[in-house]
Amino acid sequence: MALRSEYTLGHSSFNDFLFAFIGEEANGQQLTVLSAMARLELNPWSEASRLSELSKEAASKTLAAIIGRLPGGNWKKSDLQLIAGRLVEHLPDGQPGSQTLTKTTSSRNESRKPAIDIRKALFWATLVAVAVVLILRQLSD
């Protein structure tokens, strides 16, 4: 059974942004935008879509404020704007995320349909082959 679209990552035009590293946490782990937004209980794709529709400057200020809300990062408050500016460069320009995810999901589902049809065709071909073998065996007896 296929996962519902909200539980799959798939490919989105926001992947470069969402999987970009913000920096190192106090425990030494690299923190991605996706993880940071999830920790702040934000929908990463919705936020990425919203940010991509803003000017680079506005998106950078907004993202700096979001990063500033994160506890325990190994970065200085004075570096937040620089970090956010670097991350904003990974955003696509003005592409609504819902359309991107919908297109990706529907195209992924469409690509699965032929696979199911191929399985059905193989099933029926095998069934016919078995029937032919049984008929030929009956005729030779």
N, C-alpha and C. Protein backbone atom coordinates (compact mmCIF):
# COMPACT_ATOMS: atom_id res chain seq x y z
N MET A 1 0.84 -1.17 0.00
CA MET A 1 0.00 0.00 0.00
C MET A 1 0.89 1.24 0.00
N ALA A 2 0.57 2.20 -0.83
CA ALA A 2 1.36 3.42 -0.95
C ALA A 2 1.05 4.36 0.21
N LEU A 3 2.08 5.12 0.61
CA LEU A 3 1.88 6.11 1.66
C LEU A 3 1.09 7.29 1.13
N ARG A 4 0.31 7.90 2.00
CA ARG A 4 -0.39 9.12 1.62
C ARG A 4 0.63 10.21 1.36
N SER A 5 0.30 11.15 0.50
CA SER A 5 1.26 12.18 0.07
C SER A 5 1.83 12.97 1.24
N GLU A 6 1.04 13.20 2.29
CA GLU A 6 1.56 13.98 3.41
C GLU A 6 2.62 13.24 4.22
N TYR A 7 2.77 11.93 3.99
CA TYR A 7 3.78 11.16 4.71
C TYR A 7 4.97 10.77 3.83
N THR A 8 5.04 11.33 2.66
CA THR A 8 6.17 11.04 1.78
C THR A 8 6.94 12.30 1.48
N LEU A 9 8.23 12.19 1.34
CA LEU A 9 9.05 13.35 1.01
C LEU A 9 9.04 13.61 -0.49
N GLY A 10 9.28 12.57 -1.25
CA GLY A 10 9.30 12.76 -2.69
C GLY A 10 10.32 13.81 -3.10
N HIS A 11 10.14 14.33 -4.27
CA HIS A 11 11.01 15.39 -4.74
C HIS A 11 10.21 16.67 -4.79
N SER A 12 10.76 17.70 -4.23
CA SER A 12 10.12 19.00 -4.21
C SER A 12 11.16 20.03 -4.60
N SER A 13 10.72 21.13 -5.16
CA SER A 13 11.66 22.19 -5.52
C SER A 13 12.27 22.82 -4.27
N PHE A 14 11.75 22.47 -3.11
CA PHE A 14 12.27 23.02 -1.85
C PHE A 14 13.31 22.12 -1.19
N ASN A 15 13.59 20.96 -1.75
CA ASN A 15 14.51 20.02 -1.10
C ASN A 15 15.90 20.63 -0.83
N ASP A 16 16.45 21.37 -1.79
CA ASP A 16 17.77 21.98 -1.57
C ASP A 16 17.75 22.89 -0.36
N PHE A 17 16.69 23.63 -0.21
CA PHE A 17 16.55 24.54 0.93
C PHE A 17 16.32 23.76 2.22
N LEU A 18 15.37 22.84 2.20
CA LEU A 18 14.99 22.12 3.42
C LEU A 18 16.10 21.23 3.97
N PHE A 19 16.96 20.71 3.08
CA PHE A 19 18.04 19.83 3.54
C PHE A 19 19.37 20.56 3.68
N ALA A 20 19.34 21.89 3.54
CA ALA A 20 20.56 22.69 3.74
C ALA A 20 20.86 22.76 5.24
N PHE A 21 22.14 22.81 5.57
CA PHE A 21 22.55 22.86 6.97
C PHE A 21 22.52 24.29 7.49
N ILE A 22 21.89 24.46 8.64
CA ILE A 22 21.88 25.75 9.31
C ILE A 22 23.23 25.94 10.00
N GLY A 23 23.65 24.92 10.71
CA GLY A 23 24.90 24.98 11.45
C GLY A 23 24.99 23.81 12.40
N GLU A 24 25.94 23.91 13.29
CA GLU A 24 26.19 22.84 14.25
C GLU A 24 25.49 23.13 15.57
N GLU A 25 24.86 22.11 16.11
CA GLU A 25 24.21 22.24 17.41
C GLU A 25 25.25 22.06 18.51
N ALA A 26 24.86 22.35 19.73
CA ALA A 26 25.77 22.24 20.87
C ALA A 26 26.33 20.82 21.03
N ASN A 27 25.55 19.80 20.60
CA ASN A 27 26.00 18.41 20.73
C ASN A 27 26.86 17.96 19.54
N GLY A 28 27.13 18.88 18.60
CA GLY A 28 27.99 18.56 17.47
C GLY A 28 27.26 18.09 16.21
N GLN A 29 25.96 17.89 16.29
CA GLN A 29 25.17 17.45 15.15
C GLN A 29 24.88 18.62 14.21
N GLN A 30 24.84 18.31 12.91
CA GLN A 30 24.46 19.32 11.93
C GLN A 30 22.92 19.44 11.91
N LEU A 31 22.43 20.65 11.95
CA LEU A 31 21.00 20.90 11.95
C LEU A 31 20.55 21.39 10.58
N THR A 32 19.54 20.74 10.00
CA THR A 32 19.00 21.17 8.71
C THR A 32 17.81 22.09 8.93
N VAL A 33 17.44 22.79 7.88
CA VAL A 33 16.27 23.66 7.92
C VAL A 33 15.03 22.83 8.23
N LEU A 34 14.92 21.66 7.60
CA LEU A 34 13.79 20.77 7.82
C LEU A 34 13.65 20.41 9.30
N SER A 35 14.73 19.98 9.91
CA SER A 35 14.70 19.60 11.32
C SER A 35 14.37 20.79 12.21
N ALA A 36 14.96 21.92 11.90
CA ALA A 36 14.72 23.12 12.71
C ALA A 36 13.25 23.52 12.69
N MET A 37 12.67 23.53 11.50
CA MET A 37 11.26 23.92 11.39
C MET A 37 10.35 22.91 12.07
N ALA A 38 10.68 21.65 11.94
CA ALA A 38 9.89 20.61 12.61
C ALA A 38 9.96 20.78 14.13
N ARG A 39 11.12 21.09 14.65
CA ARG A 39 11.27 21.30 16.09
C ARG A 39 10.45 22.49 16.58
N LEU A 40 10.30 23.47 15.72
CA LEU A 40 9.52 24.65 16.08
C LEU A 40 8.03 24.47 15.74
N GLU A 41 7.67 23.25 15.37
CA GLU A 41 6.30 22.88 15.02
C GLU A 41 5.76 23.71 13.86
N LEU A 42 6.64 23.97 12.89
CA LEU A 42 6.25 24.64 11.65
C LEU A 42 6.21 23.60 10.55
N ASN A 43 5.31 23.76 9.59
CA ASN A 43 5.29 22.87 8.43
C ASN A 43 6.41 23.32 7.50
N PRO A 44 7.46 22.52 7.33
CA PRO A 44 8.62 22.95 6.54
C PRO A 44 8.28 23.35 5.11
N TRP A 45 7.38 22.60 4.46
CA TRP A 45 7.06 22.90 3.06
C TRP A 45 6.23 24.17 2.95
N SER A 46 5.31 24.38 3.88
CA SER A 46 4.52 25.61 3.87
C SER A 46 5.41 26.82 4.11
N GLU A 47 6.32 26.68 5.07
CA GLU A 47 7.23 27.80 5.37
C GLU A 47 8.15 28.07 4.18
N ALA A 48 8.66 27.01 3.56
CA ALA A 48 9.53 27.19 2.40
C ALA A 48 8.77 27.88 1.27
N SER A 49 7.53 27.50 1.07
CA SER A 49 6.70 28.12 0.04
C SER A 49 6.49 29.59 0.36
N ARG A 50 6.16 29.87 1.60
CA ARG A 50 5.92 31.25 2.02
C ARG A 50 7.18 32.09 1.85
N LEU A 51 8.32 31.56 2.25
CA LEU A 51 9.58 32.29 2.13
C LEU A 51 9.96 32.52 0.67
N SER A 52 9.67 31.54 -0.19
CA SER A 52 10.06 31.66 -1.59
C SER A 52 9.26 32.75 -2.31
N GLU A 53 8.11 33.09 -1.77
CA GLU A 53 7.29 34.13 -2.37
C GLU A 53 7.67 35.53 -1.92
N LEU A 54 8.55 35.61 -0.92
CA LEU A 54 9.03 36.91 -0.44
C LEU A 54 10.26 37.33 -1.22
N SER A 55 10.63 38.59 -1.09
CA SER A 55 11.91 39.04 -1.66
C SER A 55 13.02 38.35 -0.87
N LYS A 56 14.20 38.26 -1.45
CA LYS A 56 15.33 37.60 -0.76
C LYS A 56 15.60 38.27 0.59
N GLU A 57 15.52 39.59 0.62
CA GLU A 57 15.79 40.32 1.86
C GLU A 57 14.75 40.01 2.93
N ALA A 58 13.47 40.04 2.55
CA ALA A 58 12.40 39.75 3.51
C ALA A 58 12.46 38.29 3.96
N ALA A 59 12.73 37.38 3.03
CA ALA A 59 12.84 35.97 3.38
C ALA A 59 14.00 35.74 4.34
N SER A 60 15.10 36.43 4.11
CA SER A 60 16.27 36.30 4.96
C SER A 60 15.98 36.80 6.38
N LYS A 61 15.30 37.93 6.50
CA LYS A 61 14.95 38.47 7.82
C LYS A 61 13.98 37.53 8.55
N THR A 62 13.01 37.01 7.82
CA THR A 62 12.03 36.09 8.41
C THR A 62 12.70 34.81 8.87
N LEU A 63 13.58 34.27 8.03
CA LEU A 63 14.27 33.03 8.37
C LEU A 63 15.23 33.25 9.54
N ALA A 64 15.88 34.40 9.59
CA ALA A 64 16.77 34.71 10.73
C ALA A 64 15.98 34.71 12.03
N ALA A 65 14.76 35.25 12.00
CA ALA A 65 13.92 35.26 13.20
C ALA A 65 13.53 33.83 13.60
N ILE A 66 13.26 32.99 12.60
CA ILE A 66 12.91 31.59 12.89
C ILE A 66 14.11 30.88 13.51
N ILE A 67 15.28 31.04 12.93
CA ILE A 67 16.49 30.39 13.46
C ILE A 67 16.79 30.91 14.86
N GLY A 68 16.52 32.19 15.09
CA GLY A 68 16.76 32.78 16.42
C GLY A 68 15.92 32.16 17.51
N ARG A 69 14.81 31.55 17.16
CA ARG A 69 13.95 30.89 18.14
C ARG A 69 14.46 29.51 18.55
N LEU A 70 15.47 28.99 17.83
CA LEU A 70 15.99 27.65 18.12
C LEU A 70 16.89 27.67 19.35
N PRO A 71 16.68 26.73 20.25
CA PRO A 71 17.57 26.64 21.41
C PRO A 71 18.82 25.82 21.08
N GLY A 72 19.93 26.16 21.72
CA GLY A 72 21.11 25.30 21.70
C GLY A 72 21.95 25.25 20.44
N GLY A 73 21.91 26.25 19.62
CA GLY A 73 22.76 26.23 18.43
C GLY A 73 24.14 26.79 18.72
N ASN A 74 25.14 26.31 17.99
CA ASN A 74 26.50 26.81 18.14
C ASN A 74 26.74 27.97 17.18
N TRP A 75 25.86 28.93 17.16
CA TRP A 75 26.03 30.11 16.32
C TRP A 75 25.68 31.33 17.15
N LYS A 76 26.28 32.43 16.77
CA LYS A 76 26.05 33.68 17.48
C LYS A 76 24.81 34.35 16.92
N LYS A 77 24.14 35.11 17.77
CA LYS A 77 22.96 35.87 17.33
C LYS A 77 23.35 36.82 16.20
N SER A 78 24.57 37.33 16.25
CA SER A 78 25.02 38.27 15.21
C SER A 78 25.20 37.59 13.85
N ASP A 79 25.31 36.27 13.84
CA ASP A 79 25.49 35.52 12.59
C ASP A 79 24.17 35.07 11.96
N LEU A 80 23.04 35.28 12.64
CA LEU A 80 21.77 34.77 12.15
C LEU A 80 21.42 35.30 10.76
N GLN A 81 21.63 36.59 10.53
CA GLN A 81 21.28 37.17 9.24
C GLN A 81 22.17 36.58 8.14
N LEU A 82 23.44 36.36 8.42
CA LEU A 82 24.37 35.77 7.46
C LEU A 82 23.96 34.32 7.14
N ILE A 83 23.62 33.56 8.16
CA ILE A 83 23.18 32.17 7.97
C ILE A 83 21.90 32.13 7.15
N ALA A 84 20.95 32.97 7.52
CA ALA A 84 19.66 33.01 6.81
C ALA A 84 19.87 33.43 5.35
N GLY A 85 20.74 34.40 5.12
CA GLY A 85 21.01 34.83 3.74
C GLY A 85 21.58 33.70 2.90
N ARG A 86 22.46 32.91 3.49
CA ARG A 86 23.03 31.76 2.77
C ARG A 86 21.95 30.73 2.46
N LEU A 87 21.08 30.47 3.40
CA LEU A 87 20.02 29.46 3.21
C LEU A 87 18.97 29.91 2.19
N VAL A 88 18.63 31.17 2.20
CA VAL A 88 17.62 31.70 1.29
C VAL A 88 18.04 31.53 -0.17
N GLU A 89 19.33 31.48 -0.41
CA GLU A 89 19.82 31.27 -1.78
C GLU A 89 19.41 29.90 -2.34
N HIS A 90 19.05 28.98 -1.47
CA HIS A 90 18.62 27.65 -1.90
C HIS A 90 17.14 27.59 -2.25
N LEU A 91 16.41 28.67 -1.97
CA LEU A 91 14.97 28.68 -2.27
C LEU A 91 14.72 28.93 -3.75
N PRO A 92 13.72 28.26 -4.32
CA PRO A 92 13.31 28.60 -5.69
C PRO A 92 12.58 29.94 -5.66
N ASP A 93 12.54 30.62 -6.75
CA ASP A 93 11.88 31.93 -6.80
C ASP A 93 10.39 31.79 -7.00
N GLY A 94 9.63 32.25 -6.02
CA GLY A 94 8.19 32.40 -6.13
C GLY A 94 7.38 31.20 -6.57
N GLN A 95 7.71 30.01 -6.10
CA GLN A 95 6.93 28.82 -6.48
C GLN A 95 6.13 28.36 -5.27
N PRO A 96 4.82 28.40 -5.37
CA PRO A 96 4.02 27.91 -4.26
C PRO A 96 4.29 26.44 -3.99
N GLY A 97 4.53 26.09 -2.73
CA GLY A 97 4.87 24.72 -2.37
C GLY A 97 3.75 23.74 -2.59
N SER A 98 2.51 24.18 -2.39
CA SER A 98 1.41 23.23 -2.54
C SER A 98 1.31 22.77 -3.98
N GLN A 99 1.54 23.68 -4.93
CA GLN A 99 1.49 23.27 -6.32
C GLN A 99 2.64 22.33 -6.63
N THR A 100 3.81 22.64 -6.10
CA THR A 100 4.98 21.79 -6.36
C THR A 100 4.75 20.39 -5.82
N LEU A 101 4.27 20.30 -4.57
CA LEU A 101 4.06 18.99 -3.98
C LEU A 101 2.93 18.25 -4.67
N THR A 102 1.88 18.96 -5.05
CA THR A 102 0.78 18.30 -5.74
C THR A 102 1.22 17.76 -7.07
N LYS A 103 1.98 18.55 -7.82
CA LYS A 103 2.47 18.07 -9.11
C LYS A 103 3.37 16.86 -8.92
N THR A 104 4.26 16.94 -7.93
CA THR A 104 5.18 15.85 -7.67
C THR A 104 4.41 14.59 -7.27
N THR A 105 3.46 14.75 -6.37
CA THR A 105 2.70 13.61 -5.90
C THR A 105 1.89 12.99 -7.02
N SER A 106 1.20 13.83 -7.80
CA SER A 106 0.38 13.26 -8.87
C SER A 106 1.24 12.61 -9.94
N SER A 107 2.39 13.21 -10.24
CA SER A 107 3.25 12.58 -11.25
C SER A 107 3.84 11.28 -10.72
N ARG A 108 4.12 11.22 -9.41
CA ARG A 108 4.63 9.99 -8.82
C ARG A 108 3.56 8.92 -8.87
N ASN A 109 2.31 9.30 -8.56
CA ASN A 109 1.22 8.33 -8.61
C ASN A 109 0.98 7.85 -10.03
N GLU A 110 1.10 8.76 -11.00
CA GLU A 110 0.93 8.37 -12.39
C GLU A 110 2.02 7.40 -12.82
N SER A 111 3.25 7.61 -12.31
CA SER A 111 4.34 6.72 -12.69
C SER A 111 4.15 5.33 -12.06
N ARG A 112 3.38 5.24 -10.98
CA ARG A 112 3.12 3.95 -10.35
C ARG A 112 2.07 3.15 -11.12
N LYS A 113 1.17 3.82 -11.78
CA LYS A 113 0.10 3.12 -12.48
C LYS A 113 0.62 2.11 -13.49
N PRO A 114 1.59 2.47 -14.34
CA PRO A 114 2.10 1.47 -15.28
C PRO A 114 2.71 0.27 -14.56
N ALA A 115 3.35 0.48 -13.41
CA ALA A 115 3.94 -0.64 -12.67
C ALA A 115 2.86 -1.62 -12.24
N ILE A 116 1.73 -1.12 -11.82
CA ILE A 116 0.63 -1.99 -11.42
C ILE A 116 0.08 -2.71 -12.66
N ASP A 117 -0.05 -2.01 -13.77
CA ASP A 117 -0.53 -2.63 -15.00
C ASP A 117 0.44 -3.71 -15.48
N ILE A 118 1.73 -3.47 -15.33
CA ILE A 118 2.73 -4.47 -15.73
C ILE A 118 2.58 -5.72 -14.86
N ARG A 119 2.36 -5.53 -13.58
CA ARG A 119 2.18 -6.68 -12.69
C ARG A 119 0.95 -7.48 -13.09
N LYS A 120 -0.13 -6.77 -13.41
CA LYS A 120 -1.34 -7.46 -13.85
C LYS A 120 -1.08 -8.23 -15.15
N ALA A 121 -0.36 -7.60 -16.07
CA ALA A 121 -0.06 -8.25 -17.35
C ALA A 121 0.79 -9.49 -17.12
N LEU A 122 1.78 -9.40 -16.24
CA LEU A 122 2.62 -10.56 -15.94
C LEU A 122 1.80 -11.68 -15.29
N PHE A 123 0.90 -11.31 -14.40
CA PHE A 123 0.04 -12.30 -13.76
C PHE A 123 -0.78 -13.05 -14.80
N TRP A 124 -1.44 -12.29 -15.69
CA TRP A 124 -2.29 -12.91 -16.70
C TRP A 124 -1.47 -13.72 -17.71
N ALA A 125 -0.29 -13.22 -18.06
CA ALA A 125 0.57 -13.96 -18.99
C ALA A 125 1.01 -15.28 -18.37
N THR A 126 1.34 -15.27 -17.09
CA THR A 126 1.73 -16.49 -16.38
C THR A 126 0.55 -17.46 -16.31
N LEU A 127 -0.61 -16.94 -16.03
CA LEU A 127 -1.81 -17.77 -15.96
C LEU A 127 -2.10 -18.42 -17.31
N VAL A 128 -1.99 -17.67 -18.38
CA VAL A 128 -2.20 -18.22 -19.73
C VAL A 128 -1.15 -19.27 -20.04
N ALA A 129 0.12 -18.99 -19.68
CA ALA A 129 1.20 -19.94 -19.95
C ALA A 129 0.94 -21.26 -19.21
N VAL A 130 0.52 -21.19 -17.97
CA VAL A 130 0.21 -22.40 -17.20
C VAL A 130 -0.94 -23.15 -17.85
N ALA A 131 -1.97 -22.42 -18.29
CA ALA A 131 -3.11 -23.05 -18.94
C ALA A 131 -2.67 -23.75 -20.22
N VAL A 132 -1.82 -23.12 -21.01
CA VAL A 132 -1.33 -23.72 -22.26
C VAL A 132 -0.54 -24.99 -21.95
N VAL A 133 0.32 -24.93 -20.96
CA VAL A 133 1.11 -26.11 -20.58
C VAL A 133 0.18 -27.25 -20.15
N LEU A 134 -0.83 -26.95 -19.36
CA LEU A 134 -1.76 -27.99 -18.91
C LEU A 134 -2.56 -28.57 -20.08
N ILE A 135 -2.98 -27.74 -21.01
CA ILE A 135 -3.72 -28.21 -22.18
C ILE A 135 -2.83 -29.09 -23.04
N LEU A 136 -1.60 -28.68 -23.28
CA LEU A 136 -0.66 -29.48 -24.09
C LEU A 136 -0.36 -30.82 -23.41
N ARG A 137 -0.25 -30.80 -22.10
CA ARG A 137 0.00 -32.03 -21.37
C ARG A 137 -1.20 -32.97 -21.50
N GLN A 138 -2.39 -32.43 -21.44
CA GLN A 138 -3.62 -33.24 -21.58
C GLN A 138 -3.69 -33.85 -22.99
N LEU A 139 -3.32 -33.06 -23.99
CA LEU A 139 -3.38 -33.53 -25.36
C LEU A 139 -2.33 -34.62 -25.64
N SER A 140 -1.19 -34.54 -25.00
CA SER A 140 -0.14 -35.53 -25.26
C SER A 140 -0.41 -36.85 -24.55
N ASP A 141 -1.27 -36.88 -23.55
CA ASP A 141 -1.60 -38.11 -22.84
C ASP A 141 -2.53 -38.94 -23.59
